[in-house]
Amino acid sequence: MNEKVKHIMEEVGLHTDPLNKEVTDKELDFFAMTIVEACIDAVKQTDIRHAYTTFDKNLIDATINKSINSIKQTFGMPHV
């Protein structure tokens, strides 16, 4: 299992112990939303240093915002 996923599981209180297989729906939902938030954070941190003009920057910013909103819509999260 990916180390980042293991870290997030521990953060939200899930354990990777193979003997402890009981996970509540609430725990699983929280884990999934934490993963989605991590993905959104990764999109927000997209390197835009390659944008040379204001037009380029605005286009990239719009694409990032549309991507974030699409991810949120897909997983039923509120748009900000």
C-alpha atoms as a PDB file:
ATOM      1  CA  MET A   1       0.000   0.000   0.000  1.00  0.00           C
ATOM      2  CA  ASN A   2       1.192   3.515  -0.799  1.00  0.00           C
ATOM      3  CA  GLU A   3       2.884   5.248   2.150  1.00  0.00           C
ATOM      4  CA  LYS A   4       0.826   8.434   1.668  1.00  0.00           C
ATOM      5  CA  VAL A   5      -2.392   6.398   1.805  1.00  0.00           C
ATOM      6  CA  LYS A   6      -1.162   4.635   4.962  1.00  0.00           C
ATOM      7  CA  HIS A   7      -0.370   8.024   6.516  1.00  0.00           C
ATOM      8  CA  ILE A   8      -3.843   9.357   5.706  1.00  0.00           C
ATOM      9  CA  MET A   9      -5.430   6.175   7.082  1.00  0.00           C
ATOM     10  CA  GLU A  10      -3.597   6.686  10.366  1.00  0.00           C
ATOM     11  CA  GLU A  11      -4.552  10.388  10.404  1.00  0.00           C
ATOM     12  CA  VAL A  12      -8.262   9.564  10.165  1.00  0.00           C
ATOM     13  CA  GLY A  13      -8.043   6.725  12.686  1.00  0.00           C
ATOM     14  CA  LEU A  14      -8.090   3.711  10.370  1.00  0.00           C
ATOM     15  CA  HIS A  15      -5.574   0.986  10.994  1.00  0.00           C
ATOM     16  CA  THR A  16      -3.668  -1.163   8.543  1.00  0.00           C
ATOM     17  CA  ASP A  17      -3.787  -4.150  10.882  1.00  0.00           C
ATOM     18  CA  PRO A  18      -5.012  -7.075   8.737  1.00  0.00           C
ATOM     19  CA  LEU A  19      -6.761  -8.579  11.776  1.00  0.00           C
ATOM     20  CA  ASN A  20      -8.891  -5.449  12.286  1.00  0.00           C
ATOM     21  CA  LYS A  21     -11.111  -5.423   9.194  1.00  0.00           C
ATOM     22  CA  GLU A  22     -14.134  -3.631  10.652  1.00  0.00           C
ATOM     23  CA  VAL A  23     -14.538  -0.132   9.243  1.00  0.00           C
ATOM     24  CA  THR A  24     -17.688   1.894   9.718  1.00  0.00           C
ATOM     25  CA  ASP A  25     -19.336   3.770   6.845  1.00  0.00           C
ATOM     26  CA  LYS A  26     -18.561   7.026   8.627  1.00  0.00           C
ATOM     27  CA  GLU A  27     -14.855   6.160   8.867  1.00  0.00           C
ATOM     28  CA  LEU A  28     -14.749   5.093   5.241  1.00  0.00           C
ATOM     29  CA  ASP A  29     -16.518   8.288   4.089  1.00  0.00           C
ATOM     30  CA  PHE A  30     -14.119  10.421   6.107  1.00  0.00           C
ATOM     31  CA  PHE A  31     -11.152   8.530   4.658  1.00  0.00           C
ATOM     32  CA  ALA A  32     -12.455   8.961   1.104  1.00  0.00           C
ATOM     33  CA  MET A  33     -13.102  12.692   1.587  1.00  0.00           C
ATOM     34  CA  THR A  34      -9.612  13.094   3.040  1.00  0.00           C
ATOM     35  CA  ILE A  35      -8.162  11.465  -0.094  1.00  0.00           C
ATOM     36  CA  VAL A  36     -10.280  13.743  -2.307  1.00  0.00           C
ATOM     37  CA  GLU A  37      -9.114  16.812  -0.350  1.00  0.00           C
ATOM     38  CA  ALA A  38      -5.503  15.679  -0.826  1.00  0.00           C
ATOM     39  CA  CYS A  39      -6.135  15.485  -4.579  1.00  0.00           C
ATOM     40  CA  ILE A  40      -7.688  18.958  -4.584  1.00  0.00           C
ATOM     41  CA  ASP A  41      -4.680  20.292  -2.664  1.00  0.00           C
ATOM     42  CA  ALA A  42      -2.375  18.740  -5.276  1.00  0.00           C
ATOM     43  CA  VAL A  43      -4.287  20.495  -8.068  1.00  0.00           C
ATOM     44  CA  LYS A  44      -4.164  23.791  -6.140  1.00  0.00           C
ATOM     45  CA  GLN A  45      -0.385  23.463  -5.871  1.00  0.00           C
ATOM     46  CA  THR A  46       0.084  23.091  -9.624  1.00  0.00           C
ATOM     47  CA  ASP A  47       3.255  24.834 -10.724  1.00  0.00           C
ATOM     48  CA  ILE A  48       2.285  27.735 -12.984  1.00  0.00           C
ATOM     49  CA  ARG A  49       5.727  29.300 -13.373  1.00  0.00           C
ATOM     50  CA  HIS A  50       5.644  28.389 -17.057  1.00  0.00           C
ATOM     51  CA  ALA A  51       2.888  30.984 -17.662  1.00  0.00           C
ATOM     52  CA  TYR A  52       4.552  33.852 -19.493  1.00  0.00           C
ATOM     53  CA  THR A  53       1.685  36.312 -19.879  1.00  0.00           C
ATOM     54  CA  THR A  54      -1.309  37.416 -17.869  1.00  0.00           C
ATOM     55  CA  PHE A  55      -3.509  35.633 -20.403  1.00  0.00           C
ATOM     56  CA  ASP A  56      -1.593  32.376 -19.845  1.00  0.00           C
ATOM     57  CA  LYS A  57      -1.857  32.754 -16.068  1.00  0.00           C
ATOM     58  CA  ASN A  58      -5.588  33.464 -16.231  1.00  0.00           C
ATOM     59  CA  LEU A  59      -6.136  30.479 -18.515  1.00  0.00           C
ATOM     60  CA  ILE A  60      -4.195  28.170 -16.205  1.00  0.00           C
ATOM     61  CA  ASP A  61      -5.970  29.543 -13.106  1.00  0.00           C
ATOM     62  CA  ALA A  62      -9.353  28.981 -14.773  1.00  0.00           C
ATOM     63  CA  THR A  63      -8.378  25.420 -15.688  1.00  0.00           C
ATOM     64  CA  ILE A  64      -7.244  24.718 -12.121  1.00  0.00           C
ATOM     65  CA  ASN A  65     -10.501  26.127 -10.702  1.00  0.00           C
ATOM     66  CA  LYS A  66     -12.618  24.131 -13.168  1.00  0.00           C
ATOM     67  CA  SER A  67     -10.672  20.985 -12.286  1.00  0.00           C
ATOM     68  CA  ILE A  68     -11.224  21.538  -8.562  1.00  0.00           C
ATOM     69  CA  ASN A  69     -14.936  22.184  -9.081  1.00  0.00           C
ATOM     70  CA  SER A  70     -15.231  19.069 -11.248  1.00  0.00           C
ATOM     71  CA  ILE A  71     -13.578  16.938  -8.561  1.00  0.00           C
ATOM     72  CA  LYS A  72     -15.886  18.393  -5.905  1.00  0.00           C
ATOM     73  CA  GLN A  73     -18.970  17.856  -8.063  1.00  0.00           C
ATOM     74  CA  THR A  74     -17.974  14.260  -8.798  1.00  0.00           C
ATOM     75  CA  PHE A  75     -17.724  13.492  -5.086  1.00  0.00           C
ATOM     76  CA  GLY A  76     -20.715  15.589  -3.955  1.00  0.00           C
ATOM     77  CA  MET A  77     -18.718  18.258  -2.165  1.00  0.00           C
ATOM     78  CA  PRO A  78     -19.831  21.893  -1.952  1.00  0.00           C
ATOM     79  CA  HIS A  79     -18.276  24.371  -4.369  1.00  0.00           C
ATOM     80  CA  VAL A  80     -16.376  27.255  -2.839  1.00  0.00           C
END
